[in-house]
Amino acid sequence: ATAPPAILLVLQADAYDWEEIFRGSRLRDGRSIRVVQTGWRDIAVHGDVYKGTSGVRCNVDVHKTVQEVRAGVLAGDRPLARSIRPDFVLVRNEVTAPDFDGRSRLSALMFADVPACNTLESVAQFCDRAACMGFLHRLHKKHGDAFKVIPQHMASSYRSLMYGFAFPAVVKIGSAHAGFGKMRIMDHHQMSDFRSVMAMMPDTHVFVEPFIEGEYDLRIQKIGKHVRAFKRMSTSGEWKTNTGSAMVEELEVERRWRLWCEAAAEMFGGLDILTVDAIVERGTGTEYIMEVNGTSSGLYSECADEDNKHIRDLVLERMNEALCAE
């Protein structure tokens, strides 16, 4: 009898057709791959160990797939939910957003010990900016100025916010991303006002760092063994240079940038997919690493088709390791 297909759950609701990207792919043992693509908001996860030593069974209830949404299938024409048992997970969207927190779903997948790319443990750590930045400062300590990280102050709440670097400064609230939860503070008077606002969120942590006037941004992208470098120049006039419209240019990968990726790939037990974001200071040319992004790192549109194939090949490699006996 033909073996049932391996089920790959792809968590990406905003772009790409992973069913098409994986079309025709097979595992080393000959099994085909069934791709189910949806978003964090559209799943519920539960698991159990009723069968004892056979491990945790993972059930994911899928309320709607990306393909259904794009085809305009109305809610009344869809099943209320379909239950699948994923053999592997590819995470390509953030678990949290300003209006959504999917960490309970992530926790359930971790409970079920479902293999994933990147690992679910690393995805969980990337939900916490403090954990990420702490690891980057560890890498700075190890590599020195070859891995130069932006100076930072972190406070567990407004009560302990005693910033000692220069102004202007940038405050970053909690673990938000993509430009959300950030403000530029010009002097200590504005900082005092900001602290009074933070008092309305008494248990929220905050980061403060010197404002760097950037000439341009750098993004160094690593997918498995494939590394790319991009230069991004804002054309919108926003001080948040990673938001708004911009001109993007692919660059030759410098040796020092490759070191950044190799060092960052050590984070949280190992990252297969990552990007390192840096800013180049106007006037000095100094490169400051601002953050590292994990498995949900976005792709540059002109390279996306090729890079998605790199991700496909990487996932196939990891699925073979996890699901196919030697």
C-alpha atoms as a PDB file:
ATOM      1  CA  ALA A   1       0.000   0.000   0.000  1.00  0.00           C
ATOM      2  CA  THR A   2       1.128   3.531  -0.697  1.00  0.00           C
ATOM      3  CA  ALA A   3       2.318   5.314   2.430  1.00  0.00           C
ATOM      4  CA  PRO A   4       0.213   8.346   3.410  1.00  0.00           C
ATOM      5  CA  PRO A   5       1.790  11.715   2.650  1.00  0.00           C
ATOM      6  CA  ALA A   6       3.780  13.602   5.252  1.00  0.00           C
ATOM      7  CA  ILE A   7       1.847  16.671   6.375  1.00  0.00           C
ATOM      8  CA  LEU A   8       3.724  19.969   6.353  1.00  0.00           C
ATOM      9  CA  LEU A   9       1.988  22.818   8.183  1.00  0.00           C
ATOM     10  CA  VAL A  10       3.160  26.187   6.835  1.00  0.00           C
ATOM     11  CA  LEU A  11       2.278  29.161   9.015  1.00  0.00           C
ATOM     12  CA  GLN A  12       2.290  32.061   6.575  1.00  0.00           C
ATOM     13  CA  ALA A  13      -0.921  33.924   5.831  1.00  0.00           C
ATOM     14  CA  ASP A  14       0.453  37.012   4.092  1.00  0.00           C
ATOM     15  CA  ALA A  15       2.299  35.798   1.003  1.00  0.00           C
ATOM     16  CA  TYR A  16       3.372  32.980  -1.329  1.00  0.00           C
ATOM     17  CA  ASP A  17       1.828  29.659  -2.310  1.00  0.00           C
ATOM     18  CA  TRP A  18       3.739  26.952  -0.484  1.00  0.00           C
ATOM     19  CA  GLU A  19       1.590  24.191  -1.960  1.00  0.00           C
ATOM     20  CA  GLU A  20       2.917  25.196  -5.370  1.00  0.00           C
ATOM     21  CA  ILE A  21       6.502  25.668  -4.108  1.00  0.00           C
ATOM     22  CA  PHE A  22       6.550  22.091  -2.757  1.00  0.00           C
ATOM     23  CA  ARG A  23       4.674  20.572  -5.697  1.00  0.00           C
ATOM     24  CA  GLY A  24       6.335  17.300  -6.768  1.00  0.00           C
ATOM     25  CA  SER A  25       8.623  17.146  -3.720  1.00  0.00           C
ATOM     26  CA  ARG A  26       9.076  13.845  -1.941  1.00  0.00           C
ATOM     27  CA  LEU A  27      10.854  12.635   1.154  1.00  0.00           C
ATOM     28  CA  ARG A  28      13.798  10.286   0.998  1.00  0.00           C
ATOM     29  CA  ASP A  29      11.527   7.323   1.824  1.00  0.00           C
ATOM     30  CA  GLY A  30       9.330   8.105  -1.186  1.00  0.00           C
ATOM     31  CA  ARG A  31       6.442   9.746   0.659  1.00  0.00           C
ATOM     32  CA  SER A  32       4.765  12.715  -0.961  1.00  0.00           C
ATOM     33  CA  ILE A  33       4.187  15.926   0.987  1.00  0.00           C
ATOM     34  CA  ARG A  34       0.812  17.454   1.690  1.00  0.00           C
ATOM     35  CA  VAL A  35       1.136  21.187   2.391  1.00  0.00           C
ATOM     36  CA  VAL A  36      -1.433  22.946   4.558  1.00  0.00           C
ATOM     37  CA  GLN A  37      -0.839  26.703   4.567  1.00  0.00           C
ATOM     38  CA  THR A  38      -2.637  28.962   7.011  1.00  0.00           C
ATOM     39  CA  GLY A  39      -1.984  31.624   9.655  1.00  0.00           C
ATOM     40  CA  TRP A  40      -1.497  31.626  13.407  1.00  0.00           C
ATOM     41  CA  ARG A  41      -4.904  33.269  13.863  1.00  0.00           C
ATOM     42  CA  ASP A  42      -6.660  30.478  11.971  1.00  0.00           C
ATOM     43  CA  ILE A  43      -5.570  27.441  13.963  1.00  0.00           C
ATOM     44  CA  ALA A  44      -6.298  25.794  17.288  1.00  0.00           C
ATOM     45  CA  VAL A  45      -3.898  23.164  18.634  1.00  0.00           C
ATOM     46  CA  HIS A  46      -4.357  20.304  21.086  1.00  0.00           C
ATOM     47  CA  GLY A  47      -2.315  17.240  21.936  1.00  0.00           C
ATOM     48  CA  ASP A  48      -2.488  14.172  24.162  1.00  0.00           C
ATOM     49  CA  VAL A  49      -0.520  11.157  25.340  1.00  0.00           C
ATOM     50  CA  TYR A  50      -3.449   8.752  25.571  1.00  0.00           C
ATOM     51  CA  LYS A  51      -1.453   6.136  23.675  1.00  0.00           C
ATOM     52  CA  GLY A  52       1.272   6.157  26.293  1.00  0.00           C
ATOM     53  CA  THR A  53       4.821   5.608  25.108  1.00  0.00           C
ATOM     54  CA  SER A  54       4.092   6.322  21.436  1.00  0.00           C
ATOM     55  CA  GLY A  55       4.590  10.047  22.109  1.00  0.00           C
ATOM     56  CA  VAL A  56       2.305  13.040  21.961  1.00  0.00           C
ATOM     57  CA  ARG A  57      -0.365  13.162  19.280  1.00  0.00           C
ATOM     58  CA  CYS A  58      -0.730  16.656  17.864  1.00  0.00           C
ATOM     59  CA  ASN A  59      -3.998  17.825  16.349  1.00  0.00           C
ATOM     60  CA  VAL A  60      -4.282  21.180  14.587  1.00  0.00           C
ATOM     61  CA  ASP A  61      -7.744  22.433  13.759  1.00  0.00           C
ATOM     62  CA  VAL A  62      -7.504  24.622  10.645  1.00  0.00           C
ATOM     63  CA  HIS A  63     -10.352  27.113  10.283  1.00  0.00           C
ATOM     64  CA  LYS A  64      -9.329  28.382   6.854  1.00  0.00           C
ATOM     65  CA  THR A  65      -6.402  27.932   4.493  1.00  0.00           C
ATOM     66  CA  VAL A  66      -4.574  30.591   2.525  1.00  0.00           C
ATOM     67  CA  GLN A  67      -5.759  28.984  -0.719  1.00  0.00           C
ATOM     68  CA  GLU A  68      -9.413  29.307   0.357  1.00  0.00           C
ATOM     69  CA  VAL A  69      -8.971  32.959   1.261  1.00  0.00           C
ATOM     70  CA  ARG A  70      -7.316  33.756  -2.072  1.00  0.00           C
ATOM     71  CA  ALA A  71     -10.018  31.866  -3.971  1.00  0.00           C
ATOM     72  CA  GLY A  72     -12.696  33.915  -2.212  1.00  0.00           C
ATOM     73  CA  VAL A  73     -14.360  30.908  -0.600  1.00  0.00           C
ATOM     74  CA  LEU A  74     -16.952  32.272   1.815  1.00  0.00           C
ATOM     75  CA  ALA A  75     -17.069  31.146   5.427  1.00  0.00           C
ATOM     76  CA  GLY A  76     -20.389  29.350   4.891  1.00  0.00           C
ATOM     77  CA  ASP A  77     -18.861  27.275   2.097  1.00  0.00           C
ATOM     78  CA  ARG A  78     -15.892  26.136   4.189  1.00  0.00           C
ATOM     79  CA  PRO A  79     -15.819  23.343   6.768  1.00  0.00           C
ATOM     80  CA  LEU A  80     -16.022  24.755  10.286  1.00  0.00           C
ATOM     81  CA  ALA A  81     -12.568  23.277  10.871  1.00  0.00           C
ATOM     82  CA  ARG A  82     -10.400  20.483   9.559  1.00  0.00           C
ATOM     83  CA  SER A  83      -8.167  18.564  11.916  1.00  0.00           C
ATOM     84  CA  ILE A  84      -4.700  17.596  10.733  1.00  0.00           C
ATOM     85  CA  ARG A  85      -1.759  15.927  12.442  1.00  0.00           C
ATOM     86  CA  PRO A  86       1.306  17.759  11.141  1.00  0.00           C
ATOM     87  CA  ASP A  87       4.551  15.874  10.806  1.00  0.00           C
ATOM     88  CA  PHE A  88       6.562  19.076  10.432  1.00  0.00           C
ATOM     89  CA  VAL A  89       6.015  22.831  10.741  1.00  0.00           C
ATOM     90  CA  LEU A  90       7.494  25.713   8.774  1.00  0.00           C
ATOM     91  CA  VAL A  91       6.984  29.043  10.568  1.00  0.00           C
ATOM     92  CA  ARG A  92       7.138  32.105   8.294  1.00  0.00           C
ATOM     93  CA  ASN A  93       4.980  34.612  10.201  1.00  0.00           C
ATOM     94  CA  GLU A  94       5.474  36.280  13.569  1.00  0.00           C
ATOM     95  CA  VAL A  95       3.685  34.579  16.454  1.00  0.00           C
ATOM     96  CA  THR A  96       2.612  37.896  17.967  1.00  0.00           C
ATOM     97  CA  ALA A  97       1.357  41.206  16.602  1.00  0.00           C
ATOM     98  CA  PRO A  98       0.088  44.404  18.256  1.00  0.00           C
ATOM     99  CA  ASP A  99      -3.460  43.004  18.073  1.00  0.00           C
ATOM    100  CA  PHE A 100      -2.739  39.267  18.424  1.00  0.00           C
ATOM    101  CA  ASP A 101      -0.825  36.832  20.616  1.00  0.00           C
ATOM    102  CA  GLY A 102      -0.419  33.307  19.262  1.00  0.00           C
ATOM    103  CA  ARG A 103       1.977  32.015  21.898  1.00  0.00           C
ATOM    104  CA  SER A 104      -0.597  29.588  23.309  1.00  0.00           C
ATOM    105  CA  ARG A 105      -0.743  27.897  19.901  1.00  0.00           C
ATOM    106  CA  LEU A 106       3.054  27.804  19.741  1.00  0.00           C
ATOM    107  CA  SER A 107       3.164  26.316  23.253  1.00  0.00           C
ATOM    108  CA  ALA A 108       0.790  23.548  22.194  1.00  0.00           C
ATOM    109  CA  LEU A 109       2.972  22.684  19.201  1.00  0.00           C
ATOM    110  CA  MET A 110       5.988  22.595  21.547  1.00  0.00           C
ATOM    111  CA  PHE A 111       4.081  20.340  23.950  1.00  0.00           C
ATOM    112  CA  ALA A 112       3.518  17.946  21.060  1.00  0.00           C
ATOM    113  CA  ASP A 113       7.237  18.088  20.167  1.00  0.00           C
ATOM    114  CA  VAL A 114       6.521  18.692  16.479  1.00  0.00           C
ATOM    115  CA  PRO A 115       9.776  19.180  14.512  1.00  0.00           C
ATOM    116  CA  ALA A 116      10.021  22.537  12.800  1.00  0.00           C
ATOM    117  CA  CYS A 117      12.176  24.988  10.891  1.00  0.00           C
ATOM    118  CA  ASN A 118      13.395  27.026  12.679  1.00  0.00           C
ATOM    119  CA  THR A 119      13.009  25.019  15.884  1.00  0.00           C
ATOM    120  CA  LEU A 120       9.919  25.884  17.895  1.00  0.00           C
ATOM    121  CA  GLU A 121      12.148  26.577  20.900  1.00  0.00           C
ATOM    122  CA  SER A 122      13.944  29.313  18.960  1.00  0.00           C
ATOM    123  CA  VAL A 123      10.622  30.707  17.704  1.00  0.00           C
ATOM    124  CA  ALA A 124       9.477  30.989  21.325  1.00  0.00           C
ATOM    125  CA  GLN A 125      12.654  32.822  22.309  1.00  0.00           C
ATOM    126  CA  PHE A 126      12.208  35.291  19.455  1.00  0.00           C
ATOM    127  CA  CYS A 127       8.890  36.333  21.019  1.00  0.00           C
ATOM    128  CA  ASP A 128      11.003  37.975  23.751  1.00  0.00           C
ATOM    129  CA  ARG A 129      13.122  40.929  22.631  1.00  0.00           C
ATOM    130  CA  ALA A 130      15.090  40.886  25.886  1.00  0.00           C
ATOM    131  CA  ALA A 131      16.206  37.286  25.292  1.00  0.00           C
ATOM    132  CA  CYS A 132      17.237  38.117  21.714  1.00  0.00           C
ATOM    133  CA  MET A 133      19.153  41.265  22.620  1.00  0.00           C
ATOM    134  CA  GLY A 134      20.796  39.519  25.563  1.00  0.00           C
ATOM    135  CA  PHE A 135      22.189  36.895  23.189  1.00  0.00           C
ATOM    136  CA  LEU A 136      23.434  39.611  20.821  1.00  0.00           C
ATOM    137  CA  HIS A 137      25.281  41.346  23.644  1.00  0.00           C
ATOM    138  CA  ARG A 138      26.815  37.950  24.508  1.00  0.00           C
ATOM    139  CA  LEU A 139      28.040  37.671  20.907  1.00  0.00           C
ATOM    140  CA  HIS A 140      29.447  41.221  21.119  1.00  0.00           C
ATOM    141  CA  LYS A 141      31.347  40.223  24.242  1.00  0.00           C
ATOM    142  CA  LYS A 142      32.717  37.171  22.415  1.00  0.00           C
ATOM    143  CA  HIS A 143      33.620  38.808  19.091  1.00  0.00           C
ATOM    144  CA  GLY A 144      34.241  42.425  20.118  1.00  0.00           C
ATOM    145  CA  ASP A 145      33.756  45.144  17.523  1.00  0.00           C
ATOM    146  CA  ALA A 146      33.591  42.520  14.778  1.00  0.00           C
ATOM    147  CA  PHE A 147      30.017  42.087  16.094  1.00  0.00           C
ATOM    148  CA  LYS A 148      29.197  45.642  17.186  1.00  0.00           C
ATOM    149  CA  VAL A 149      25.737  45.873  18.788  1.00  0.00           C
ATOM    150  CA  ILE A 150      23.897  49.134  19.444  1.00  0.00           C
ATOM    151  CA  PRO A 151      24.357  50.262  23.098  1.00  0.00           C
ATOM    152  CA  GLN A 152      21.177  49.735  25.095  1.00  0.00           C
ATOM    153  CA  HIS A 153      19.451  50.287  28.389  1.00  0.00           C
ATOM    154  CA  MET A 154      16.694  47.847  29.378  1.00  0.00           C
ATOM    155  CA  ALA A 155      14.263  48.328  32.252  1.00  0.00           C
ATOM    156  CA  SER A 156      11.730  45.792  33.510  1.00  0.00           C
ATOM    157  CA  SER A 157       9.194  48.618  33.944  1.00  0.00           C
ATOM    158  CA  TYR A 158       8.948  52.418  34.013  1.00  0.00           C
ATOM    159  CA  ARG A 159       9.947  52.315  37.692  1.00  0.00           C
ATOM    160  CA  SER A 160      13.525  51.298  36.867  1.00  0.00           C
ATOM    161  CA  LEU A 161      13.887  53.367  33.697  1.00  0.00           C
ATOM    162  CA  MET A 162      17.015  55.448  34.411  1.00  0.00           C
ATOM    163  CA  TYR A 163      18.531  56.081  30.982  1.00  0.00           C
ATOM    164  CA  GLY A 164      22.194  57.128  30.975  1.00  0.00           C
ATOM    165  CA  PHE A 165      23.200  57.326  27.292  1.00  0.00           C
ATOM    166  CA  ALA A 166      22.952  60.333  24.980  1.00  0.00           C
ATOM    167  CA  PHE A 167      19.923  62.086  23.504  1.00  0.00           C
ATOM    168  CA  PRO A 168      18.181  61.895  21.098  1.00  0.00           C
ATOM    169  CA  ALA A 169      17.207  58.366  22.058  1.00  0.00           C
ATOM    170  CA  VAL A 170      14.840  55.687  20.800  1.00  0.00           C
ATOM    171  CA  VAL A 171      12.502  53.820  23.136  1.00  0.00           C
ATOM    172  CA  LYS A 172      11.114  50.397  22.243  1.00  0.00           C
ATOM    173  CA  ILE A 173       8.194  49.090  24.257  1.00  0.00           C
ATOM    174  CA  GLY A 174       7.920  45.384  25.011  1.00  0.00           C
ATOM    175  CA  SER A 175       8.703  42.932  22.221  1.00  0.00           C
ATOM    176  CA  ALA A 176       6.907  44.661  19.352  1.00  0.00           C
ATOM    177  CA  HIS A 177       8.457  44.601  15.895  1.00  0.00           C
ATOM    178  CA  ALA A 178       8.136  46.102  12.388  1.00  0.00           C
ATOM    179  CA  GLY A 179       8.299  49.676  13.657  1.00  0.00           C
ATOM    180  CA  PHE A 180       5.512  49.344  16.235  1.00  0.00           C
ATOM    181  CA  GLY A 181       5.991  50.449  19.839  1.00  0.00           C
ATOM    182  CA  LYS A 182       8.900  52.795  19.053  1.00  0.00           C
ATOM    183  CA  MET A 183       9.372  56.507  19.716  1.00  0.00           C
ATOM    184  CA  ARG A 184      12.176  59.022  19.325  1.00  0.00           C
ATOM    185  CA  ILE A 185      12.855  60.987  22.517  1.00  0.00           C
ATOM    186  CA  MET A 186      14.713  64.285  22.095  1.00  0.00           C
ATOM    187  CA  ASP A 187      15.691  65.139  25.712  1.00  0.00           C
ATOM    188  CA  HIS A 188      15.184  64.255  29.377  1.00  0.00           C
ATOM    189  CA  HIS A 189      11.962  66.315  29.519  1.00  0.00           C
ATOM    190  CA  GLN A 190      10.349  64.117  26.862  1.00  0.00           C
ATOM    191  CA  MET A 191      11.755  61.060  28.636  1.00  0.00           C
ATOM    192  CA  SER A 192       9.959  62.159  31.805  1.00  0.00           C
ATOM    193  CA  ASP A 193       6.717  62.458  29.840  1.00  0.00           C
ATOM    194  CA  PHE A 194       7.300  59.035  28.295  1.00  0.00           C
ATOM    195  CA  ARG A 195       7.826  57.466  31.747  1.00  0.00           C
ATOM    196  CA  SER A 196       4.480  58.890  32.859  1.00  0.00           C
ATOM    197  CA  VAL A 197       2.799  57.206  29.889  1.00  0.00           C
ATOM    198  CA  MET A 198       4.604  53.927  30.613  1.00  0.00           C
ATOM    199  CA  ALA A 199       3.069  54.037  34.099  1.00  0.00           C
ATOM    200  CA  MET A 200      -0.205  53.076  32.398  1.00  0.00           C
ATOM    201  CA  MET A 201       1.529  49.786  31.450  1.00  0.00           C
ATOM    202  CA  PRO A 202       3.219  49.128  34.795  1.00  0.00           C
ATOM    203  CA  ASP A 203       4.516  45.634  34.024  1.00  0.00           C
ATOM    204  CA  THR A 204       5.784  46.258  30.487  1.00  0.00           C
ATOM    205  CA  HIS A 205       9.527  46.304  29.890  1.00  0.00           C
ATOM    206  CA  VAL A 206      11.199  48.933  27.750  1.00  0.00           C
ATOM    207  CA  PHE A 207      14.464  49.386  25.857  1.00  0.00           C
ATOM    208  CA  VAL A 208      16.261  52.679  25.260  1.00  0.00           C
ATOM    209  CA  GLU A 209      19.164  53.218  22.881  1.00  0.00           C
ATOM    210  CA  PRO A 210      20.947  56.232  21.390  1.00  0.00           C
ATOM    211  CA  PHE A 211      19.380  57.485  18.165  1.00  0.00           C
ATOM    212  CA  ILE A 212      21.772  56.756  15.285  1.00  0.00           C
ATOM    213  CA  GLU A 213      21.380  58.975  12.245  1.00  0.00           C
ATOM    214  CA  GLY A 214      21.709  56.434   9.505  1.00  0.00           C
ATOM    215  CA  GLU A 215      23.146  56.772   6.039  1.00  0.00           C
ATOM    216  CA  TYR A 216      21.450  53.493   5.126  1.00  0.00           C
ATOM    217  CA  ASP A 217      20.429  50.133   6.571  1.00  0.00           C
ATOM    218  CA  LEU A 218      21.954  46.717   5.990  1.00  0.00           C
ATOM    219  CA  ARG A 219      20.156  43.392   6.021  1.00  0.00           C
ATOM    220  CA  ILE A 220      22.230  40.226   5.891  1.00  0.00           C
ATOM    221  CA  GLN A 221      20.087  37.171   5.144  1.00  0.00           C
ATOM    222  CA  LYS A 222      21.006  33.531   5.770  1.00  0.00           C
ATOM    223  CA  ILE A 223      18.921  30.575   4.560  1.00  0.00           C
ATOM    224  CA  GLY A 224      20.839  27.397   5.278  1.00  0.00           C
ATOM    225  CA  LYS A 225      24.187  27.917   3.541  1.00  0.00           C
ATOM    226  CA  HIS A 226      22.926  30.710   1.270  1.00  0.00           C
ATOM    227  CA  VAL A 227      23.808  34.269   2.328  1.00  0.00           C
ATOM    228  CA  ARG A 228      22.685  37.557   0.762  1.00  0.00           C
ATOM    229  CA  ALA A 229      23.355  41.195   1.660  1.00  0.00           C
ATOM    230  CA  PHE A 230      21.034  44.133   1.003  1.00  0.00           C
ATOM    231  CA  LYS A 231      21.434  47.897   1.292  1.00  0.00           C
ATOM    232  CA  ARG A 232      18.249  49.798   2.080  1.00  0.00           C
ATOM    233  CA  MET A 233      17.946  53.581   1.713  1.00  0.00           C
ATOM    234  CA  SER A 234      14.733  55.176   2.942  1.00  0.00           C
ATOM    235  CA  THR A 235      12.973  57.521   0.538  1.00  0.00           C
ATOM    236  CA  SER A 236      10.042  58.377   2.821  1.00  0.00           C
ATOM    237  CA  GLY A 237      11.825  60.704   5.238  1.00  0.00           C
ATOM    238  CA  GLU A 238      10.836  58.524   8.204  1.00  0.00           C
ATOM    239  CA  TRP A 239      13.328  58.414  11.070  1.00  0.00           C
ATOM    240  CA  LYS A 240      12.384  54.737  11.373  1.00  0.00           C
ATOM    241  CA  THR A 241      14.414  53.785   8.342  1.00  0.00           C
ATOM    242  CA  ASN A 242      13.025  50.229   8.267  1.00  0.00           C
ATOM    243  CA  THR A 243       9.492  51.525   7.595  1.00  0.00           C
ATOM    244  CA  GLY A 244       7.962  53.342   4.648  1.00  0.00           C
ATOM    245  CA  SER A 245       9.209  53.282   1.063  1.00  0.00           C
ATOM    246  CA  ALA A 246      12.851  52.618   0.290  1.00  0.00           C
ATOM    247  CA  MET A 247      15.337  51.727  -2.425  1.00  0.00           C
ATOM    248  CA  VAL A 248      16.868  48.270  -1.979  1.00  0.00           C
ATOM    249  CA  GLU A 249      20.104  47.120  -3.609  1.00  0.00           C
ATOM    250  CA  GLU A 250      21.711  43.699  -3.357  1.00  0.00           C
ATOM    251  CA  LEU A 251      25.411  43.816  -2.441  1.00  0.00           C
ATOM    252  CA  GLU A 252      28.319  41.422  -2.551  1.00  0.00           C
ATOM    253  CA  VAL A 253      28.553  39.677   0.808  1.00  0.00           C
ATOM    254  CA  GLU A 254      31.512  41.029   2.769  1.00  0.00           C
ATOM    255  CA  ARG A 255      33.480  38.671   4.970  1.00  0.00           C
ATOM    256  CA  ARG A 256      32.530  40.594   8.145  1.00  0.00           C
ATOM    257  CA  TRP A 257      28.824  40.287   7.303  1.00  0.00           C
ATOM    258  CA  ARG A 258      29.173  36.546   6.812  1.00  0.00           C
ATOM    259  CA  LEU A 259      30.686  36.394  10.313  1.00  0.00           C
ATOM    260  CA  TRP A 260      27.589  38.181  11.654  1.00  0.00           C
ATOM    261  CA  CYS A 261      25.329  35.500  10.193  1.00  0.00           C
ATOM    262  CA  GLU A 262      27.506  32.625  11.340  1.00  0.00           C
ATOM    263  CA  ALA A 263      27.605  34.043  14.875  1.00  0.00           C
ATOM    264  CA  ALA A 264      23.854  34.735  14.965  1.00  0.00           C
ATOM    265  CA  ALA A 265      23.154  31.208  13.705  1.00  0.00           C
ATOM    266  CA  GLU A 266      24.357  29.987  17.135  1.00  0.00           C
ATOM    267  CA  MET A 267      21.381  31.601  18.858  1.00  0.00           C
ATOM    268  CA  PHE A 268      18.983  29.435  20.872  1.00  0.00           C
ATOM    269  CA  GLY A 269      20.409  26.114  19.779  1.00  0.00           C
ATOM    270  CA  GLY A 270      20.810  27.039  16.106  1.00  0.00           C
ATOM    271  CA  LEU A 271      18.945  29.012  13.444  1.00  0.00           C
ATOM    272  CA  ASP A 272      18.496  27.806   9.862  1.00  0.00           C
ATOM    273  CA  ILE A 273      16.735  30.978   8.683  1.00  0.00           C
ATOM    274  CA  LEU A 274      17.765  34.415   9.955  1.00  0.00           C
ATOM    275  CA  THR A 275      18.445  38.016   9.053  1.00  0.00           C
ATOM    276  CA  VAL A 276      20.798  40.470  10.738  1.00  0.00           C
ATOM    277  CA  ASP A 277      19.675  44.110  10.577  1.00  0.00           C
ATOM    278  CA  ALA A 278      22.242  46.889  10.981  1.00  0.00           C
ATOM    279  CA  ILE A 279      22.437  50.641  10.522  1.00  0.00           C
ATOM    280  CA  VAL A 280      25.392  52.520   9.022  1.00  0.00           C
ATOM    281  CA  GLU A 281      25.987  55.775  10.872  1.00  0.00           C
ATOM    282  CA  ARG A 282      26.098  58.915   8.742  1.00  0.00           C
ATOM    283  CA  GLY A 283      29.479  60.609   8.807  1.00  0.00           C
ATOM    284  CA  THR A 284      31.435  57.785  10.466  1.00  0.00           C
ATOM    285  CA  GLY A 285      30.395  54.710   8.452  1.00  0.00           C
ATOM    286  CA  THR A 286      30.213  52.702  11.694  1.00  0.00           C
ATOM    287  CA  GLU A 287      27.988  49.627  11.369  1.00  0.00           C
ATOM    288  CA  TYR A 288      25.789  48.903  14.390  1.00  0.00           C
ATOM    289  CA  ILE A 289      23.848  45.651  14.615  1.00  0.00           C
ATOM    290  CA  MET A 290      20.292  46.542  15.647  1.00  0.00           C
ATOM    291  CA  GLU A 291      18.610  43.147  15.824  1.00  0.00           C
ATOM    292  CA  VAL A 292      18.443  39.603  14.519  1.00  0.00           C
ATOM    293  CA  ASN A 293      15.230  38.156  13.096  1.00  0.00           C
ATOM    294  CA  GLY A 294      14.481  34.466  12.972  1.00  0.00           C
ATOM    295  CA  THR A 295      12.312  32.184  10.887  1.00  0.00           C
ATOM    296  CA  SER A 296       9.713  34.861  10.052  1.00  0.00           C
ATOM    297  CA  SER A 297      12.277  37.077   8.280  1.00  0.00           C
ATOM    298  CA  GLY A 298      10.764  38.684   5.192  1.00  0.00           C
ATOM    299  CA  LEU A 299      12.266  38.277   1.730  1.00  0.00           C
ATOM    300  CA  TYR A 300      13.272  40.900  -0.832  1.00  0.00           C
ATOM    301  CA  SER A 301      10.691  40.651  -3.627  1.00  0.00           C
ATOM    302  CA  GLU A 302      13.174  40.375  -6.516  1.00  0.00           C
ATOM    303  CA  CYS A 303      14.901  37.400  -4.870  1.00  0.00           C
ATOM    304  CA  ALA A 304      11.844  35.810  -3.235  1.00  0.00           C
ATOM    305  CA  ASP A 305      11.248  33.062  -5.815  1.00  0.00           C
ATOM    306  CA  GLU A 306      14.819  31.813  -5.561  1.00  0.00           C
ATOM    307  CA  ASP A 307      14.974  32.211  -1.785  1.00  0.00           C
ATOM    308  CA  ASN A 308      11.697  30.333  -1.273  1.00  0.00           C
ATOM    309  CA  LYS A 309      13.244  27.438  -3.199  1.00  0.00           C
ATOM    310  CA  HIS A 310      16.218  27.585  -0.835  1.00  0.00           C
ATOM    311  CA  ILE A 311      13.760  27.420   2.072  1.00  0.00           C
ATOM    312  CA  ARG A 312      11.966  24.484   0.427  1.00  0.00           C
ATOM    313  CA  ASP A 313      15.236  22.567   0.018  1.00  0.00           C
ATOM    314  CA  LEU A 314      16.211  23.358   3.604  1.00  0.00           C
ATOM    315  CA  VAL A 315      12.856  22.148   4.928  1.00  0.00           C
ATOM    316  CA  LEU A 316      13.107  18.948   2.879  1.00  0.00           C
ATOM    317  CA  GLU A 317      16.524  18.321   4.393  1.00  0.00           C
ATOM    318  CA  ARG A 318      15.187  18.845   7.925  1.00  0.00           C
ATOM    319  CA  MET A 319      12.085  16.713   7.248  1.00  0.00           C
ATOM    320  CA  ASN A 320      14.247  13.851   5.999  1.00  0.00           C
ATOM    321  CA  GLU A 321      16.366  14.071   9.136  1.00  0.00           C
ATOM    322  CA  ALA A 322      13.324  14.109  11.409  1.00  0.00           C
ATOM    323  CA  LEU A 323      10.969  11.693   9.637  1.00  0.00           C
ATOM    324  CA  CYS A 324      13.042   9.219   7.624  1.00  0.00           C
ATOM    325  CA  ALA A 325      15.076   6.507   9.314  1.00  0.00           C
ATOM    326  CA  GLU A 326      18.594   6.065   8.030  1.00  0.00           C
END
